[in-house]
Amino acid sequence: MVSGAGVLTDRVHTYAHGAGIPMTAPLGAHHLVAETVLDRFDQAVAERIAA
């Protein structure tokens, strides 16, 4: 199991492992990590739409 993960993440990890799908470790619970990831995603989507 992925250390420190939540129940849902554990279930996804178990499914992925059983299906042979690679999965990275969770990013962490700190809100700034999530905000940074979402900001970068939004920026990438906006750049793709503008192209």
PDB file of N, CA and C in Angstrom:
ATOM      1  N   MET A   1       0.819  -1.190   0.000  1.00  0.00           N
ATOM      2  CA  MET A   1       0.000   0.000   0.000  1.00  0.00           C
ATOM      3  C   MET A   1       0.865   1.257   0.000  1.00  0.00           C
ATOM      4  N   VAL A   2       0.278   2.338  -0.442  1.00  0.00           N
ATOM      5  CA  VAL A   2       0.961   3.624  -0.447  1.00  0.00           C
ATOM      6  C   VAL A   2       0.896   4.192   0.967  1.00  0.00           C
ATOM      7  N   SER A   3       2.044   4.498   1.540  1.00  0.00           N
ATOM      8  CA  SER A   3       2.110   4.992   2.912  1.00  0.00           C
ATOM      9  C   SER A   3       1.457   6.364   3.052  1.00  0.00           C
ATOM     10  N   GLY A   4       0.636   6.538   4.089  1.00  0.00           N
ATOM     11  CA  GLY A   4       0.041   7.834   4.379  1.00  0.00           C
ATOM     12  C   GLY A   4      -1.115   8.215   3.474  1.00  0.00           C
ATOM     13  N   ALA A   5      -1.571   7.299   2.651  1.00  0.00           N
ATOM     14  CA  ALA A   5      -2.641   7.610   1.712  1.00  0.00           C
ATOM     15  C   ALA A   5      -3.996   7.447   2.385  1.00  0.00           C
ATOM     16  N   GLY A   6      -4.999   8.047   1.798  1.00  0.00           N
ATOM     17  CA  GLY A   6      -6.357   7.907   2.291  1.00  0.00           C
ATOM     18  C   GLY A   6      -6.982   6.615   1.811  1.00  0.00           C
ATOM     19  N   VAL A   7      -8.167   6.317   2.304  1.00  0.00           N
ATOM     20  CA  VAL A   7      -8.849   5.073   1.959  1.00  0.00           C
ATOM     21  C   VAL A   7      -9.117   4.984   0.460  1.00  0.00           C
ATOM     22  N   LEU A   8      -9.604   6.057  -0.147  1.00  0.00           N
ATOM     23  CA  LEU A   8      -9.875   6.040  -1.582  1.00  0.00           C
ATOM     24  C   LEU A   8      -8.590   5.810  -2.367  1.00  0.00           C
ATOM     25  N   THR A   9      -7.524   6.499  -1.979  1.00  0.00           N
ATOM     26  CA  THR A   9      -6.242   6.320  -2.660  1.00  0.00           C
ATOM     27  C   THR A   9      -5.752   4.891  -2.505  1.00  0.00           C
ATOM     28  N   ASP A  10      -5.937   4.308  -1.331  1.00  0.00           N
ATOM     29  CA  ASP A  10      -5.561   2.909  -1.118  1.00  0.00           C
ATOM     30  C   ASP A  10      -6.322   1.991  -2.057  1.00  0.00           C
ATOM     31  N   ARG A  11      -7.614   2.236  -2.220  1.00  0.00           N
ATOM     32  CA  ARG A  11      -8.426   1.396  -3.106  1.00  0.00           C
ATOM     33  C   ARG A  11      -7.984   1.534  -4.552  1.00  0.00           C
ATOM     34  N   VAL A  12      -7.704   2.764  -4.977  1.00  0.00           N
ATOM     35  CA  VAL A  12      -7.238   2.996  -6.346  1.00  0.00           C
ATOM     36  C   VAL A  12      -5.887   2.318  -6.547  1.00  0.00           C
ATOM     37  N   HIS A  13      -4.998   2.445  -5.559  1.00  0.00           N
ATOM     38  CA  HIS A  13      -3.680   1.819  -5.651  1.00  0.00           C
ATOM     39  C   HIS A  13      -3.802   0.301  -5.757  1.00  0.00           C
ATOM     40  N   THR A  14      -4.669  -0.289  -4.951  1.00  0.00           N
ATOM     41  CA  THR A  14      -4.874  -1.735  -4.991  1.00  0.00           C
ATOM     42  C   THR A  14      -5.389  -2.167  -6.358  1.00  0.00           C
ATOM     43  N   TYR A  15      -6.358  -1.445  -6.905  1.00  0.00           N
ATOM     44  CA  TYR A  15      -6.889  -1.755  -8.233  1.00  0.00           C
ATOM     45  C   TYR A  15      -5.803  -1.624  -9.295  1.00  0.00           C
ATOM     46  N   ALA A  16      -5.081  -0.506  -9.257  1.00  0.00           N
ATOM     47  CA  ALA A  16      -4.036  -0.260 -10.254  1.00  0.00           C
ATOM     48  C   ALA A  16      -2.961  -1.335 -10.181  1.00  0.00           C
ATOM     49  N   HIS A  17      -2.554  -1.698  -8.979  1.00  0.00           N
ATOM     50  CA  HIS A  17      -1.527  -2.729  -8.821  1.00  0.00           C
ATOM     51  C   HIS A  17      -2.008  -4.062  -9.400  1.00  0.00           C
ATOM     52  N   GLY A  18      -3.247  -4.424  -9.107  1.00  0.00           N
ATOM     53  CA  GLY A  18      -3.812  -5.671  -9.623  1.00  0.00           C
ATOM     54  C   GLY A  18      -3.954  -5.685 -11.130  1.00  0.00           C
ATOM     55  N   ALA A  19      -4.172  -4.509 -11.727  1.00  0.00           N
ATOM     56  CA  ALA A  19      -4.339  -4.402 -13.176  1.00  0.00           C
ATOM     57  C   ALA A  19      -3.017  -4.129 -13.890  1.00  0.00           C
ATOM     58  N   GLY A  20      -1.927  -4.022 -13.122  1.00  0.00           N
ATOM     59  CA  GLY A  20      -0.632  -3.752 -13.730  1.00  0.00           C
ATOM     60  C   GLY A  20      -0.463  -2.315 -14.202  1.00  0.00           C
ATOM     61  N   ILE A  21      -1.219  -1.399 -13.601  1.00  0.00           N
ATOM     62  CA  ILE A  21      -1.152   0.018 -13.970  1.00  0.00           C
ATOM     63  C   ILE A  21      -0.216   0.728 -12.992  1.00  0.00           C
ATOM     64  N   PRO A  22       0.858   1.373 -13.491  1.00  0.00           N
ATOM     65  CA  PRO A  22       1.752   2.081 -12.568  1.00  0.00           C
ATOM     66  C   PRO A  22       1.059   3.299 -11.959  1.00  0.00           C
ATOM     67  N   MET A  23       1.402   3.592 -10.717  1.00  0.00           N
ATOM     68  CA  MET A  23       0.781   4.715 -10.021  1.00  0.00           C
ATOM     69  C   MET A  23       1.823   5.396  -9.150  1.00  0.00           C
ATOM     70  N   THR A  24       1.861   6.716  -9.195  1.00  0.00           N
ATOM     71  CA  THR A  24       2.799   7.455  -8.356  1.00  0.00           C
ATOM     72  C   THR A  24       2.246   7.604  -6.950  1.00  0.00           C
ATOM     73  N   ALA A  25       3.100   7.997  -6.048  1.00  0.00           N
ATOM     74  CA  ALA A  25       2.679   8.243  -4.668  1.00  0.00           C
ATOM     75  C   ALA A  25       1.837   9.518  -4.619  1.00  0.00           C
ATOM     76  N   PRO A  26       0.938   9.639  -3.649  1.00  0.00           N
ATOM     77  CA  PRO A  26       0.141  10.860  -3.509  1.00  0.00           C
ATOM     78  C   PRO A  26       1.031  12.087  -3.315  1.00  0.00           C
ATOM     79  N   LEU A  27       0.545  13.236  -3.723  1.00  0.00           N
ATOM     80  CA  LEU A  27       1.315  14.473  -3.608  1.00  0.00           C
ATOM     81  C   LEU A  27       1.431  14.957  -2.172  1.00  0.00           C
ATOM     82  N   GLY A  28       0.482  14.650  -1.362  1.00  0.00           N
ATOM     83  CA  GLY A  28       0.498  15.108   0.022  1.00  0.00           C
ATOM     84  C   GLY A  28      -0.758  15.897   0.341  1.00  0.00           C
ATOM     85  N   ALA A  29      -0.935  16.172   1.605  1.00  0.00           N
ATOM     86  CA  ALA A  29      -2.171  16.810   2.052  1.00  0.00           C
ATOM     87  C   ALA A  29      -2.074  18.330   2.129  1.00  0.00           C
ATOM     88  N   HIS A  30      -0.900  18.891   1.947  1.00  0.00           N
ATOM     89  CA  HIS A  30      -0.756  20.339   2.103  1.00  0.00           C
ATOM     90  C   HIS A  30      -1.517  21.060   0.997  1.00  0.00           C
ATOM     91  N   HIS A  31      -2.331  22.030   1.363  1.00  0.00           N
ATOM     92  CA  HIS A  31      -3.192  22.713   0.397  1.00  0.00           C
ATOM     93  C   HIS A  31      -2.397  23.455  -0.672  1.00  0.00           C
ATOM     94  N   LEU A  32      -1.194  23.918  -0.367  1.00  0.00           N
ATOM     95  CA  LEU A  32      -0.401  24.630  -1.377  1.00  0.00           C
ATOM     96  C   LEU A  32       0.046  23.705  -2.507  1.00  0.00           C
ATOM     97  N   VAL A  33       0.263  22.433  -2.185  1.00  0.00           N
ATOM     98  CA  VAL A  33       0.620  21.465  -3.231  1.00  0.00           C
ATOM     99  C   VAL A  33      -0.546  21.323  -4.196  1.00  0.00           C
ATOM    100  N   ALA A  34      -1.736  21.129  -3.658  1.00  0.00           N
ATOM    101  CA  ALA A  34      -2.922  20.987  -4.505  1.00  0.00           C
ATOM    102  C   ALA A  34      -3.176  22.254  -5.314  1.00  0.00           C
ATOM    103  N   GLU A  35      -3.039  23.409  -4.696  1.00  0.00           N
ATOM    104  CA  GLU A  35      -3.256  24.673  -5.414  1.00  0.00           C
ATOM    105  C   GLU A  35      -2.261  24.836  -6.557  1.00  0.00           C
ATOM    106  N   THR A  36      -1.004  24.478  -6.322  1.00  0.00           N
ATOM    107  CA  THR A  36       0.021  24.593  -7.362  1.00  0.00           C
ATOM    108  C   THR A  36      -0.282  23.665  -8.526  1.00  0.00           C
ATOM    109  N   VAL A  37      -0.649  22.427  -8.216  1.00  0.00           N
ATOM    110  CA  VAL A  37      -0.977  21.466  -9.275  1.00  0.00           C
ATOM    111  C   VAL A  37      -2.171  21.959 -10.084  1.00  0.00           C
ATOM    112  N   LEU A  38      -3.211  22.431  -9.419  1.00  0.00           N
ATOM    113  CA  LEU A  38      -4.396  22.913 -10.129  1.00  0.00           C
ATOM    114  C   LEU A  38      -4.095  24.160 -10.949  1.00  0.00           C
ATOM    115  N   ASP A  39      -3.272  25.056 -10.413  1.00  0.00           N
ATOM    116  CA  ASP A  39      -2.882  26.253 -11.172  1.00  0.00           C
ATOM    117  C   ASP A  39      -2.133  25.874 -12.441  1.00  0.00           C
ATOM    118  N   ARG A  40      -1.207  24.936 -12.321  1.00  0.00           N
ATOM    119  CA  ARG A  40      -0.432  24.509 -13.490  1.00  0.00           C
ATOM    120  C   ARG A  40      -1.314  23.798 -14.508  1.00  0.00           C
ATOM    121  N   PHE A  41      -2.270  23.020 -14.025  1.00  0.00           N
ATOM    122  CA  PHE A  41      -3.206  22.352 -14.930  1.00  0.00           C
ATOM    123  C   PHE A  41      -4.040  23.384 -15.679  1.00  0.00           C
ATOM    124  N   ASP A  42      -4.590  24.351 -14.944  1.00  0.00           N
ATOM    125  CA  ASP A  42      -5.393  25.403 -15.577  1.00  0.00           C
ATOM    126  C   ASP A  42      -4.580  26.171 -16.613  1.00  0.00           C
ATOM    127  N   GLN A  43      -3.325  26.461 -16.303  1.00  0.00           N
ATOM    128  CA  GLN A  43      -2.454  27.175 -17.232  1.00  0.00           C
ATOM    129  C   GLN A  43      -2.212  26.341 -18.491  1.00  0.00           C
ATOM    130  N   ALA A  44      -1.960  25.053 -18.322  1.00  0.00           N
ATOM    131  CA  ALA A  44      -1.721  24.180 -19.475  1.00  0.00           C
ATOM    132  C   ALA A  44      -2.958  24.089 -20.358  1.00  0.00           C
ATOM    133  N   VAL A  45      -4.134  23.993 -19.743  1.00  0.00           N
ATOM    134  CA  VAL A  45      -5.382  23.932 -20.511  1.00  0.00           C
ATOM    135  C   VAL A  45      -5.600  25.237 -21.264  1.00  0.00           C
ATOM    136  N   ALA A  46      -5.380  26.363 -20.603  1.00  0.00           N
ATOM    137  CA  ALA A  46      -5.561  27.668 -21.251  1.00  0.00           C
ATOM    138  C   ALA A  46      -4.603  27.832 -22.428  1.00  0.00           C
ATOM    139  N   GLU A  47      -3.360  27.398 -22.262  1.00  0.00           N
ATOM    140  CA  GLU A  47      -2.386  27.498 -23.350  1.00  0.00           C
ATOM    141  C   GLU A  47      -2.785  26.610 -24.526  1.00  0.00           C
ATOM    142  N   ARG A  48      -3.313  25.443 -24.217  1.00  0.00           N
ATOM    143  CA  ARG A  48      -3.731  24.523 -25.287  1.00  0.00           C
ATOM    144  C   ARG A  48      -4.922  25.096 -26.056  1.00  0.00           C
ATOM    145  N   ILE A  49      -5.872  25.689 -25.336  1.00  0.00           N
ATOM    146  CA  ILE A  49      -7.046  26.286 -25.982  1.00  0.00           C
ATOM    147  C   ILE A  49      -6.627  27.474 -26.841  1.00  0.00           C
ATOM    148  N   ALA A  50      -5.677  28.272 -26.348  1.00  0.00           N
ATOM    149  CA  ALA A  50      -5.225  29.458 -27.077  1.00  0.00           C
ATOM    150  C   ALA A  50      -4.438  29.102 -28.334  1.00  0.00           C
ATOM    151  N   ALA A  51      -3.869  27.917 -28.362  1.00  0.00           N
ATOM    152  CA  ALA A  51      -3.015  27.518 -29.505  1.00  0.00           C
ATOM    153  C   ALA A  51      -3.805  27.212 -30.747  1.00  0.00           C
TER     154      ALA A  51
END
